[in-house]
Amino acid sequence: MQSAVMARLDFDQFRDKEVSRIYIAGELAEATRVEAVLTRHGIDYAVEVEPYQRSALRVLTLFSSGVYAGAAFFVLSGQASFARHVLRAAGLKGGIQDDDAEVDLLSTDH
């Protein structure tokens, strides 16, 4: 039986490359689904804990709005559009980050 190849990379492997933040997951189950979709489609990605703001209206006031820690997913910028597409197709829409979320890893401390 062949084992699946994980597409998750360490941020160091993205060093000196243009990457885009494509998704921020606020819950572990959501992050696990994102990882599964990206891996299934052979998209290399890195994950970093980042703060994000949750809107109380988005979650129907079950939680108060505020700043929380989430799992931010990054891919090479050339794969960003496809990665967003497969995440949306899988029903993962809430944490999608727009195209303007490109990150220059030369100037960040990951």
PDB file of N, CA and C in Angstrom:
ATOM      1  N   MET A   1       0.840  -1.181   0.000  1.00  0.00           N
ATOM      2  CA  MET A   1       0.000   0.000   0.000  1.00  0.00           C
ATOM      3  C   MET A   1       0.889   1.250   0.000  1.00  0.00           C
ATOM      4  N   GLN A   2       0.603   2.180  -0.906  1.00  0.00           N
ATOM      5  CA  GLN A   2       1.376   3.422  -0.983  1.00  0.00           C
ATOM      6  C   GLN A   2       0.864   4.421   0.042  1.00  0.00           C
ATOM      7  N   SER A   3       1.780   5.146   0.665  1.00  0.00           N
ATOM      8  CA  SER A   3       1.363   6.183   1.601  1.00  0.00           C
ATOM      9  C   SER A   3       1.250   7.514   0.862  1.00  0.00           C
ATOM     10  N   ALA A   4       0.344   8.358   1.331  1.00  0.00           N
ATOM     11  CA  ALA A   4       0.143   9.671   0.714  1.00  0.00           C
ATOM     12  C   ALA A   4       1.303  10.588   1.078  1.00  0.00           C
ATOM     13  N   VAL A   5       1.691  11.423   0.153  1.00  0.00           N
ATOM     14  CA  VAL A   5       2.762  12.389   0.386  1.00  0.00           C
ATOM     15  C   VAL A   5       2.137  13.659   0.940  1.00  0.00           C
ATOM     16  N   MET A   6       2.615  14.077   2.096  1.00  0.00           N
ATOM     17  CA  MET A   6       2.110  15.315   2.679  1.00  0.00           C
ATOM     18  C   MET A   6       2.640  16.511   1.902  1.00  0.00           C
ATOM     19  N   ALA A   7       1.788  17.472   1.659  1.00  0.00           N
ATOM     20  CA  ALA A   7       2.172  18.675   0.936  1.00  0.00           C
ATOM     21  C   ALA A   7       2.613  19.780   1.885  1.00  0.00           C
ATOM     22  N   ARG A   8       2.499  19.563   3.193  1.00  0.00           N
ATOM     23  CA  ARG A   8       2.866  20.590   4.163  1.00  0.00           C
ATOM     24  C   ARG A   8       4.382  20.747   4.219  1.00  0.00           C
ATOM     25  N   LEU A   9       4.820  21.993   4.130  1.00  0.00           N
ATOM     26  CA  LEU A   9       6.234  22.318   4.155  1.00  0.00           C
ATOM     27  C   LEU A   9       6.547  23.220   5.340  1.00  0.00           C
ATOM     28  N   ASP A  10       7.804  23.265   5.704  1.00  0.00           N
ATOM     29  CA  ASP A  10       8.280  24.210   6.692  1.00  0.00           C
ATOM     30  C   ASP A  10       8.436  25.565   5.993  1.00  0.00           C
ATOM     31  N   PHE A  11       8.238  26.646   6.714  1.00  0.00           N
ATOM     32  CA  PHE A  11       8.365  27.971   6.098  1.00  0.00           C
ATOM     33  C   PHE A  11       9.741  28.186   5.459  1.00  0.00           C
ATOM     34  N   ASP A  12      10.760  27.558   6.009  1.00  0.00           N
ATOM     35  CA  ASP A  12      12.098  27.715   5.435  1.00  0.00           C
ATOM     36  C   ASP A  12      12.162  27.256   3.984  1.00  0.00           C
ATOM     37  N   GLN A  13      11.316  26.328   3.606  1.00  0.00           N
ATOM     38  CA  GLN A  13      11.303  25.847   2.226  1.00  0.00           C
ATOM     39  C   GLN A  13      10.668  26.861   1.265  1.00  0.00           C
ATOM     40  N   PHE A  14       9.974  27.849   1.816  1.00  0.00           N
ATOM     41  CA  PHE A  14       9.394  28.924   1.006  1.00  0.00           C
ATOM     42  C   PHE A  14      10.284  30.165   1.012  1.00  0.00           C
ATOM     43  N   ARG A  15      11.398  30.100   1.721  1.00  0.00           N
ATOM     44  CA  ARG A  15      12.298  31.246   1.849  1.00  0.00           C
ATOM     45  C   ARG A  15      12.696  31.772   0.480  1.00  0.00           C
ATOM     46  N   ASP A  16      12.711  33.084   0.323  1.00  0.00           N
ATOM     47  CA  ASP A  16      13.093  33.765  -0.916  1.00  0.00           C
ATOM     48  C   ASP A  16      12.092  33.549  -2.053  1.00  0.00           C
ATOM     49  N   LYS A  17      10.899  33.107  -1.736  1.00  0.00           N
ATOM     50  CA  LYS A  17       9.865  32.909  -2.752  1.00  0.00           C
ATOM     51  C   LYS A  17       8.646  33.745  -2.384  1.00  0.00           C
ATOM     52  N   GLU A  18       7.897  34.126  -3.391  1.00  0.00           N
ATOM     53  CA  GLU A  18       6.681  34.899  -3.148  1.00  0.00           C
ATOM     54  C   GLU A  18       5.551  33.939  -2.798  1.00  0.00           C
ATOM     55  N   VAL A  19       4.964  34.147  -1.629  1.00  0.00           N
ATOM     56  CA  VAL A  19       3.856  33.308  -1.180  1.00  0.00           C
ATOM     57  C   VAL A  19       2.633  34.169  -0.915  1.00  0.00           C
ATOM     58  N   SER A  20       1.487  33.513  -0.888  1.00  0.00           N
ATOM     59  CA  SER A  20       0.228  34.194  -0.601  1.00  0.00           C
ATOM     60  C   SER A  20      -0.468  33.502   0.560  1.00  0.00           C
ATOM     61  N   ARG A  21      -1.024  34.306   1.442  1.00  0.00           N
ATOM     62  CA  ARG A  21      -1.874  33.786   2.510  1.00  0.00           C
ATOM     63  C   ARG A  21      -3.224  33.500   1.861  1.00  0.00           C
ATOM     64  N   ILE A  22      -3.664  32.244   1.901  1.00  0.00           N
ATOM     65  CA  ILE A  22      -4.897  31.893   1.198  1.00  0.00           C
ATOM     66  C   ILE A  22      -6.062  31.601   2.122  1.00  0.00           C
ATOM     67  N   TYR A  23      -5.772  31.273   3.376  1.00  0.00           N
ATOM     68  CA  TYR A  23      -6.860  30.866   4.272  1.00  0.00           C
ATOM     69  C   TYR A  23      -6.435  31.071   5.712  1.00  0.00           C
ATOM     70  N   ILE A  24      -7.395  31.447   6.557  1.00  0.00           N
ATOM     71  CA  ILE A  24      -7.174  31.458   8.001  1.00  0.00           C
ATOM     72  C   ILE A  24      -8.291  30.634   8.631  1.00  0.00           C
ATOM     73  N   ALA A  25      -7.897  29.562   9.298  1.00  0.00           N
ATOM     74  CA  ALA A  25      -8.851  28.668   9.968  1.00  0.00           C
ATOM     75  C   ALA A  25      -8.910  29.028  11.443  1.00  0.00           C
ATOM     76  N   GLY A  26     -10.114  29.186  11.955  1.00  0.00           N
ATOM     77  CA  GLY A  26     -10.286  29.553  13.351  1.00  0.00           C
ATOM     78  C   GLY A  26     -10.441  28.377  14.292  1.00  0.00           C
ATOM     79  N   GLU A  27     -10.635  27.181  13.731  1.00  0.00           N
ATOM     80  CA  GLU A  27     -10.835  25.991  14.562  1.00  0.00           C
ATOM     81  C   GLU A  27      -9.990  24.840  14.021  1.00  0.00           C
ATOM     82  N   LEU A  28      -9.613  23.943  14.903  1.00  0.00           N
ATOM     83  CA  LEU A  28      -8.769  22.816  14.529  1.00  0.00           C
ATOM     84  C   LEU A  28      -9.425  21.954  13.449  1.00  0.00           C
ATOM     85  N   ALA A  29     -10.702  21.669  13.568  1.00  0.00           N
ATOM     86  CA  ALA A  29     -11.390  20.837  12.572  1.00  0.00           C
ATOM     87  C   ALA A  29     -11.351  21.492  11.191  1.00  0.00           C
ATOM     88  N   GLU A  30     -11.514  22.807  11.165  1.00  0.00           N
ATOM     89  CA  GLU A  30     -11.462  23.545   9.901  1.00  0.00           C
ATOM     90  C   GLU A  30     -10.048  23.481   9.305  1.00  0.00           C
ATOM     91  N   ALA A  31      -9.031  23.668  10.139  1.00  0.00           N
ATOM     92  CA  ALA A  31      -7.644  23.608   9.679  1.00  0.00           C
ATOM     93  C   ALA A  31      -7.319  22.215   9.140  1.00  0.00           C
ATOM     94  N   THR A  32      -7.826  21.193   9.794  1.00  0.00           N
ATOM     95  CA  THR A  32      -7.610  19.821   9.347  1.00  0.00           C
ATOM     96  C   THR A  32      -8.239  19.591   7.981  1.00  0.00           C
ATOM     97  N   ARG A  33      -9.416  20.146   7.755  1.00  0.00           N
ATOM     98  CA  ARG A  33     -10.077  20.028   6.442  1.00  0.00           C
ATOM     99  C   ARG A  33      -9.275  20.746   5.362  1.00  0.00           C
ATOM    100  N   VAL A  34      -8.770  21.950   5.687  1.00  0.00           N
ATOM    101  CA  VAL A  34      -7.957  22.706   4.722  1.00  0.00           C
ATOM    102  C   VAL A  34      -6.726  21.894   4.352  1.00  0.00           C
ATOM    103  N   GLU A  35      -6.042  21.342   5.352  1.00  0.00           N
ATOM    104  CA  GLU A  35      -4.854  20.522   5.081  1.00  0.00           C
ATOM    105  C   GLU A  35      -5.196  19.346   4.172  1.00  0.00           C
ATOM    106  N   ALA A  36      -6.310  18.685   4.430  1.00  0.00           N
ATOM    107  CA  ALA A  36      -6.702  17.521   3.628  1.00  0.00           C
ATOM    108  C   ALA A  36      -6.969  17.909   2.172  1.00  0.00           C
ATOM    109  N   VAL A  37      -7.657  19.028   1.966  1.00  0.00           N
ATOM    110  CA  VAL A  37      -7.966  19.470   0.597  1.00  0.00           C
ATOM    111  C   VAL A  37      -6.694  19.849  -0.153  1.00  0.00           C
ATOM    112  N   LEU A  38      -5.828  20.619   0.479  1.00  0.00           N
ATOM    113  CA  LEU A  38      -4.591  21.036  -0.183  1.00  0.00           C
ATOM    114  C   LEU A  38      -3.708  19.832  -0.496  1.00  0.00           C
ATOM    115  N   THR A  39      -3.602  18.906   0.444  1.00  0.00           N
ATOM    116  CA  THR A  39      -2.793  17.709   0.244  1.00  0.00           C
ATOM    117  C   THR A  39      -3.368  16.848  -0.880  1.00  0.00           C
ATOM    118  N   ARG A  40      -4.675  16.661  -0.883  1.00  0.00           N
ATOM    119  CA  ARG A  40      -5.332  15.852  -1.914  1.00  0.00           C
ATOM    120  C   ARG A  40      -5.063  16.398  -3.313  1.00  0.00           C
ATOM    121  N   HIS A  41      -4.932  17.724  -3.418  1.00  0.00           N
ATOM    122  CA  HIS A  41      -4.699  18.356  -4.716  1.00  0.00           C
ATOM    123  C   HIS A  41      -3.214  18.608  -5.003  1.00  0.00           C
ATOM    124  N   GLY A  42      -2.337  18.101  -4.137  1.00  0.00           N
ATOM    125  CA  GLY A  42      -0.897  18.210  -4.373  1.00  0.00           C
ATOM    126  C   GLY A  42      -0.357  19.623  -4.275  1.00  0.00           C
ATOM    127  N   ILE A  43      -0.993  20.458  -3.471  1.00  0.00           N
ATOM    128  CA  ILE A  43      -0.573  21.850  -3.306  1.00  0.00           C
ATOM    129  C   ILE A  43       0.334  21.944  -2.084  1.00  0.00           C
ATOM    130  N   ASP A  44       1.565  22.393  -2.290  1.00  0.00           N
ATOM    131  CA  ASP A  44       2.479  22.608  -1.174  1.00  0.00           C
ATOM    132  C   ASP A  44       2.030  23.823  -0.379  1.00  0.00           C
ATOM    133  N   TYR A  45       2.077  23.714   0.939  1.00  0.00           N
ATOM    134  CA  TYR A  45       1.618  24.812   1.796  1.00  0.00           C
ATOM    135  C   TYR A  45       2.422  24.838   3.087  1.00  0.00           C
ATOM    136  N   ALA A  46       2.373  25.975   3.739  1.00  0.00           N
ATOM    137  CA  ALA A  46       2.952  26.142   5.070  1.00  0.00           C
ATOM    138  C   ALA A  46       1.863  26.725   5.959  1.00  0.00           C
ATOM    139  N   VAL A  47       1.967  26.438   7.249  1.00  0.00           N
ATOM    140  CA  VAL A  47       0.971  26.911   8.217  1.00  0.00           C
ATOM    141  C   VAL A  47       1.684  27.697   9.303  1.00  0.00           C
ATOM    142  N   GLU A  48       1.086  28.786   9.701  1.00  0.00           N
ATOM    143  CA  GLU A  48       1.638  29.645  10.749  1.00  0.00           C
ATOM    144  C   GLU A  48       0.477  30.126  11.617  1.00  0.00           C
ATOM    145  N   VAL A  49       0.677  30.203  12.927  1.00  0.00           N
ATOM    146  CA  VAL A  49      -0.343  30.757  13.813  1.00  0.00           C
ATOM    147  C   VAL A  49      -0.316  32.267  13.681  1.00  0.00           C
ATOM    148  N   GLU A  50      -1.485  32.847  13.398  1.00  0.00           N
ATOM    149  CA  GLU A  50      -1.603  34.298  13.236  1.00  0.00           C
ATOM    150  C   GLU A  50      -2.883  34.787  13.898  1.00  0.00           C
ATOM    151  N   PRO A  51      -2.858  36.039  14.347  1.00  0.00           N
ATOM    152  CA  PRO A  51      -4.089  36.611  14.895  1.00  0.00           C
ATOM    153  C   PRO A  51      -5.072  36.939  13.767  1.00  0.00           C
ATOM    154  N   TYR A  52      -6.343  36.802  14.051  1.00  0.00           N
ATOM    155  CA  TYR A  52      -7.373  37.208  13.098  1.00  0.00           C
ATOM    156  C   TYR A  52      -8.561  37.731  13.883  1.00  0.00           C
ATOM    157  N   GLN A  53      -9.391  38.494  13.215  1.00  0.00           N
ATOM    158  CA  GLN A  53     -10.560  39.066  13.871  1.00  0.00           C
ATOM    159  C   GLN A  53     -11.804  38.328  13.420  1.00  0.00           C
ATOM    160  N   ARG A  54     -12.573  37.878  14.372  1.00  0.00           N
ATOM    161  CA  ARG A  54     -13.800  37.149  14.096  1.00  0.00           C
ATOM    162  C   ARG A  54     -14.977  38.097  14.300  1.00  0.00           C
ATOM    163  N   SER A  55     -15.848  38.136  13.326  1.00  0.00           N
ATOM    164  CA  SER A  55     -17.038  38.971  13.418  1.00  0.00           C
ATOM    165  C   SER A  55     -18.147  38.212  14.145  1.00  0.00           C
ATOM    166  N   ALA A  56     -18.775  38.843  15.096  1.00  0.00           N
ATOM    167  CA  ALA A  56     -19.869  38.205  15.835  1.00  0.00           C
ATOM    168  C   ALA A  56     -21.021  37.853  14.899  1.00  0.00           C
ATOM    169  N   LEU A  57     -21.259  38.661  13.876  1.00  0.00           N
ATOM    170  CA  LEU A  57     -22.341  38.371  12.942  1.00  0.00           C
ATOM    171  C   LEU A  57     -22.058  37.132  12.115  1.00  0.00           C
ATOM    172  N   ARG A  58     -20.794  36.909  11.793  1.00  0.00           N
ATOM    173  CA  ARG A  58     -20.420  35.758  10.970  1.00  0.00           C
ATOM    174  C   ARG A  58     -20.750  34.437  11.650  1.00  0.00           C
ATOM    175  N   VAL A  59     -20.638  34.386  12.952  1.00  0.00           N
ATOM    176  CA  VAL A  59     -20.917  33.149  13.665  1.00  0.00           C
ATOM    177  C   VAL A  59     -22.224  33.243  14.441  1.00  0.00           C
ATOM    178  N   LEU A  60     -23.091  34.117  13.967  1.00  0.00           N
ATOM    179  CA  LEU A  60     -24.439  34.263  14.537  1.00  0.00           C
ATOM    180  C   LEU A  60     -24.432  34.533  16.032  1.00  0.00           C
ATOM    181  N   THR A  61     -23.516  35.370  16.451  1.00  0.00           N
ATOM    182  CA  THR A  61     -23.365  35.820  17.836  1.00  0.00           C
ATOM    183  C   THR A  61     -23.163  34.682  18.842  1.00  0.00           C
ATOM    184  N   LEU A  62     -22.707  33.516  18.406  1.00  0.00           N
ATOM    185  CA  LEU A  62     -22.389  32.450  19.351  1.00  0.00           C
ATOM    186  C   LEU A  62     -21.112  32.779  20.117  1.00  0.00           C
ATOM    187  N   PHE A  63     -20.261  33.569  19.498  1.00  0.00           N
ATOM    188  CA  PHE A  63     -19.022  34.004  20.134  1.00  0.00           C
ATOM    189  C   PHE A  63     -18.977  35.519  20.065  1.00  0.00           C
ATOM    190  N   SER A  64     -18.288  36.107  21.014  1.00  0.00           N
ATOM    191  CA  SER A  64     -18.116  37.550  20.919  1.00  0.00           C
ATOM    192  C   SER A  64     -17.077  37.859  19.858  1.00  0.00           C
ATOM    193  N   SER A  65     -17.204  39.042  19.265  1.00  0.00           N
ATOM    194  CA  SER A  65     -16.191  39.420  18.277  1.00  0.00           C
ATOM    195  C   SER A  65     -14.912  39.779  19.016  1.00  0.00           C
ATOM    196  N   GLY A  66     -13.796  39.650  18.336  1.00  0.00           N
ATOM    197  CA  GLY A  66     -12.514  39.962  18.942  1.00  0.00           C
ATOM    198  C   GLY A  66     -11.392  39.376  18.132  1.00  0.00           C
ATOM    199  N   VAL A  67     -10.199  39.387  18.721  1.00  0.00           N
ATOM    200  CA  VAL A  67      -9.023  38.866  18.045  1.00  0.00           C
ATOM    201  C   VAL A  67      -8.696  37.490  18.624  1.00  0.00           C
ATOM    202  N   TYR A  68      -8.459  36.531  17.729  1.00  0.00           N
ATOM    203  CA  TYR A  68      -8.198  35.154  18.106  1.00  0.00           C
ATOM    204  C   TYR A  68      -6.959  34.651  17.375  1.00  0.00           C
ATOM    205  N   ALA A  69      -6.422  33.519  17.801  1.00  0.00           N
ATOM    206  CA  ALA A  69      -5.313  32.876  17.088  1.00  0.00           C
ATOM    207  C   ALA A  69      -5.904  31.880  16.103  1.00  0.00           C
ATOM    208  N   GLY A  70      -5.419  31.922  14.871  1.00  0.00           N
ATOM    209  CA  GLY A  70      -5.897  31.004  13.848  1.00  0.00           C
ATOM    210  C   GLY A  70      -4.731  30.402  13.095  1.00  0.00           C
ATOM    211  N   ALA A  71      -5.032  29.377  12.310  1.00  0.00           N
ATOM    212  CA  ALA A  71      -4.025  28.733  11.470  1.00  0.00           C
ATOM    213  C   ALA A  71      -4.072  29.387  10.096  1.00  0.00           C
ATOM    214  N   ALA A  72      -3.013  30.129   9.760  1.00  0.00           N
ATOM    215  CA  ALA A  72      -2.933  30.792   8.462  1.00  0.00           C
ATOM    216  C   ALA A  72      -2.192  29.868   7.497  1.00  0.00           C
ATOM    217  N   PHE A  73      -2.792  29.659   6.327  1.00  0.00           N
ATOM    218  CA  PHE A  73      -2.225  28.781   5.305  1.00  0.00           C
ATOM    219  C   PHE A  73      -1.620  29.623   4.196  1.00  0.00           C
ATOM    220  N   PHE A  74      -0.394  29.271   3.798  1.00  0.00           N
ATOM    221  CA  PHE A  74       0.351  29.977   2.762  1.00  0.00           C
ATOM    222  C   PHE A  74       0.733  29.003   1.658  1.00  0.00           C
ATOM    223  N   VAL A  75       0.663  29.473   0.414  1.00  0.00           N
ATOM    224  CA  VAL A  75       1.113  28.694  -0.743  1.00  0.00           C
ATOM    225  C   VAL A  75       1.955  29.600  -1.630  1.00  0.00           C
ATOM    226  N   LEU A  76       2.690  28.993  -2.559  1.00  0.00           N
ATOM    227  CA  LEU A  76       3.390  29.812  -3.537  1.00  0.00           C
ATOM    228  C   LEU A  76       2.357  30.641  -4.290  1.00  0.00           C
ATOM    229  N   SER A  77       2.683  31.894  -4.566  1.00  0.00           N
ATOM    230  CA  SER A  77       1.718  32.798  -5.196  1.00  0.00           C
ATOM    231  C   SER A  77       1.175  32.256  -6.515  1.00  0.00           C
ATOM    232  N   GLY A  78       1.982  31.514  -7.249  1.00  0.00           N
ATOM    233  CA  GLY A  78       1.530  30.937  -8.504  1.00  0.00           C
ATOM    234  C   GLY A  78       0.455  29.880  -8.344  1.00  0.00           C
ATOM    235  N   GLN A  79       0.325  29.309  -7.143  1.00  0.00           N
ATOM    236  CA  GLN A  79      -0.701  28.301  -6.864  1.00  0.00           C
ATOM    237  C   GLN A  79      -1.892  28.864  -6.101  1.00  0.00           C
ATOM    238  N   ALA A  80      -1.837  30.142  -5.738  1.00  0.00           N
ATOM    239  CA  ALA A  80      -2.851  30.714  -4.853  1.00  0.00           C
ATOM    240  C   ALA A  80      -4.262  30.658  -5.441  1.00  0.00           C
ATOM    241  N   SER A  81      -4.423  31.031  -6.682  1.00  0.00           N
ATOM    242  CA  SER A  81      -5.747  31.049  -7.298  1.00  0.00           C
ATOM    243  C   SER A  81      -6.353  29.642  -7.323  1.00  0.00           C
ATOM    244  N   PHE A  82      -5.561  28.656  -7.738  1.00  0.00           N
ATOM    245  CA  PHE A  82      -6.035  27.274  -7.775  1.00  0.00           C
ATOM    246  C   PHE A  82      -6.362  26.779  -6.368  1.00  0.00           C
ATOM    247  N   ALA A  83      -5.508  27.095  -5.393  1.00  0.00           N
ATOM    248  CA  ALA A  83      -5.728  26.661  -4.012  1.00  0.00           C
ATOM    249  C   ALA A  83      -7.039  27.237  -3.477  1.00  0.00           C
ATOM    250  N   ARG A  84      -7.284  28.514  -3.727  1.00  0.00           N
ATOM    251  CA  ARG A  84      -8.549  29.127  -3.285  1.00  0.00           C
ATOM    252  C   ARG A  84      -9.736  28.452  -3.956  1.00  0.00           C
ATOM    253  N   HIS A  85      -9.575  28.133  -5.232  1.00  0.00           N
ATOM    254  CA  HIS A  85     -10.656  27.481  -5.985  1.00  0.00           C
ATOM    255  C   HIS A  85     -11.017  26.120  -5.371  1.00  0.00           C
ATOM    256  N   VAL A  86     -10.003  25.287  -5.086  1.00  0.00           N
ATOM    257  CA  VAL A  86     -10.310  23.957  -4.546  1.00  0.00           C
ATOM    258  C   VAL A  86     -10.866  24.045  -3.125  1.00  0.00           C
ATOM    259  N   LEU A  87     -10.433  25.035  -2.361  1.00  0.00           N
ATOM    260  CA  LEU A  87     -10.983  25.207  -1.014  1.00  0.00           C
ATOM    261  C   LEU A  87     -12.455  25.622  -1.082  1.00  0.00           C
ATOM    262  N   ARG A  88     -12.763  26.560  -1.980  1.00  0.00           N
ATOM    263  CA  ARG A  88     -14.167  26.965  -2.145  1.00  0.00           C
ATOM    264  C   ARG A  88     -15.021  25.788  -2.606  1.00  0.00           C
ATOM    265  N   ALA A  89     -14.495  25.017  -3.555  1.00  0.00           N
ATOM    266  CA  ALA A  89     -15.233  23.858  -4.074  1.00  0.00           C
ATOM    267  C   ALA A  89     -15.491  22.826  -2.978  1.00  0.00           C
ATOM    268  N   ALA A  90     -14.626  22.774  -1.981  1.00  0.00           N
ATOM    269  CA  ALA A  90     -14.786  21.849  -0.861  1.00  0.00           C
ATOM    270  C   ALA A  90     -15.675  22.430   0.237  1.00  0.00           C
ATOM    271  N   GLY A  91     -16.217  23.629   0.006  1.00  0.00           N
ATOM    272  CA  GLY A  91     -17.103  24.251   0.985  1.00  0.00           C
ATOM    273  C   GLY A  91     -16.380  25.057   2.046  1.00  0.00           C
ATOM    274  N   LEU A  92     -15.105  25.268   1.883  1.00  0.00           N
ATOM    275  CA  LEU A  92     -14.307  26.053   2.830  1.00  0.00           C
ATOM    276  C   LEU A  92     -14.199  27.475   2.301  1.00  0.00           C
ATOM    277  N   LYS A  93     -15.150  28.312   2.666  1.00  0.00           N
ATOM    278  CA  LYS A  93     -15.222  29.666   2.116  1.00  0.00           C
ATOM    279  C   LYS A  93     -14.952  30.750   3.153  1.00  0.00           C
ATOM    280  N   GLY A  94     -15.298  30.495   4.394  1.00  0.00           N
ATOM    281  CA  GLY A  94     -15.258  31.519   5.426  1.00  0.00           C
ATOM    282  C   GLY A  94     -13.897  32.110   5.704  1.00  0.00           C
ATOM    283  N   GLY A  95     -12.840  31.320   5.560  1.00  0.00           N
ATOM    284  CA  GLY A  95     -11.503  31.803   5.889  1.00  0.00           C
ATOM    285  C   GLY A  95     -10.657  32.165   4.691  1.00  0.00           C
ATOM    286  N   ILE A  96     -11.251  32.155   3.494  1.00  0.00           N
ATOM    287  CA  ILE A  96     -10.494  32.486   2.281  1.00  0.00           C
ATOM    288  C   ILE A  96      -9.936  33.895   2.398  1.00  0.00           C
ATOM    289  N   GLN A  97      -8.661  34.045   2.064  1.00  0.00           N
ATOM    290  CA  GLN A  97      -7.989  35.344   2.060  1.00  0.00           C
ATOM    291  C   GLN A  97      -7.848  35.810   0.623  1.00  0.00           C
ATOM    292  N   ASP A  98      -8.119  37.073   0.382  1.00  0.00           N
ATOM    293  CA  ASP A  98      -8.092  37.636  -0.966  1.00  0.00           C
ATOM    294  C   ASP A  98      -6.696  37.663  -1.562  1.00  0.00           C
ATOM    295  N   ASP A  99      -6.636  37.953  -2.866  1.00  0.00           N
ATOM    296  CA  ASP A  99      -5.377  37.982  -3.604  1.00  0.00           C
ATOM    297  C   ASP A  99      -4.368  38.974  -3.047  1.00  0.00           C
ATOM    298  N   ASP A 100      -4.813  39.982  -2.323  1.00  0.00           N
ATOM    299  CA  ASP A 100      -3.886  40.993  -1.829  1.00  0.00           C
ATOM    300  C   ASP A 100      -3.138  40.536  -0.581  1.00  0.00           C
ATOM    301  N   ALA A 101      -3.260  39.271  -0.214  1.00  0.00           N
ATOM    302  CA  ALA A 101      -2.613  38.764   0.990  1.00  0.00           C
ATOM    303  C   ALA A 101      -1.242  38.161   0.692  1.00  0.00           C
ATOM    304  N   GLU A 102      -0.557  38.672  -0.347  1.00  0.00           N
ATOM    305  CA  GLU A 102       0.773  38.157  -0.673  1.00  0.00           C
ATOM    306  C   GLU A 102       1.772  38.565   0.404  1.00  0.00           C
ATOM    307  N   VAL A 103       2.715  37.708   0.644  1.00  0.00           N
ATOM    308  CA  VAL A 103       3.685  37.928   1.713  1.00  0.00           C
ATOM    309  C   VAL A 103       5.080  37.769   1.137  1.00  0.00           C
ATOM    310  N   ASP A 104       5.950  38.696   1.449  1.00  0.00           N
ATOM    311  CA  ASP A 104       7.346  38.599   1.043  1.00  0.00           C
ATOM    312  C   ASP A 104       8.114  38.009   2.216  1.00  0.00           C
ATOM    313  N   LEU A 105       8.545  36.762   2.114  1.00  0.00           N
ATOM    314  CA  LEU A 105       9.206  36.106   3.219  1.00  0.00           C
ATOM    315  C   LEU A 105      10.600  36.641   3.480  1.00  0.00           C
ATOM    316  N   LEU A 106      11.117  37.469   2.607  1.00  0.00           N
ATOM    317  CA  LEU A 106      12.405  38.087   2.877  1.00  0.00           C
ATOM    318  C   LEU A 106      12.299  39.073   4.031  1.00  0.00           C
ATOM    319  N   SER A 107      11.094  39.620   4.248  1.00  0.00           N
ATOM    320  CA  SER A 107      10.942  40.649   5.268  1.00  0.00           C
ATOM    321  C   SER A 107      10.141  40.169   6.472  1.00  0.00           C
ATOM    322  N   THR A 108       9.888  38.861   6.599  1.00  0.00           N
ATOM    323  CA  THR A 108       9.142  38.350   7.743  1.00  0.00           C
ATOM    324  C   THR A 108      10.009  37.419   8.555  1.00  0.00           C
ATOM    325  N   ASP A 109       9.656  37.262   9.788  1.00  0.00           N
ATOM    326  CA  ASP A 109      10.398  36.378  10.700  1.00  0.00           C
ATOM    327  C   ASP A 109       9.552  35.163  11.026  1.00  0.00           C
ATOM    328  N   HIS A 110       9.459  34.214  10.094  1.00  0.00           N
ATOM    329  CA  HIS A 110       8.696  32.981  10.328  1.00  0.00           C
ATOM    330  C   HIS A 110       9.610  31.908  10.830  1.00  0.00           C
TER     331      HIS A 110
END
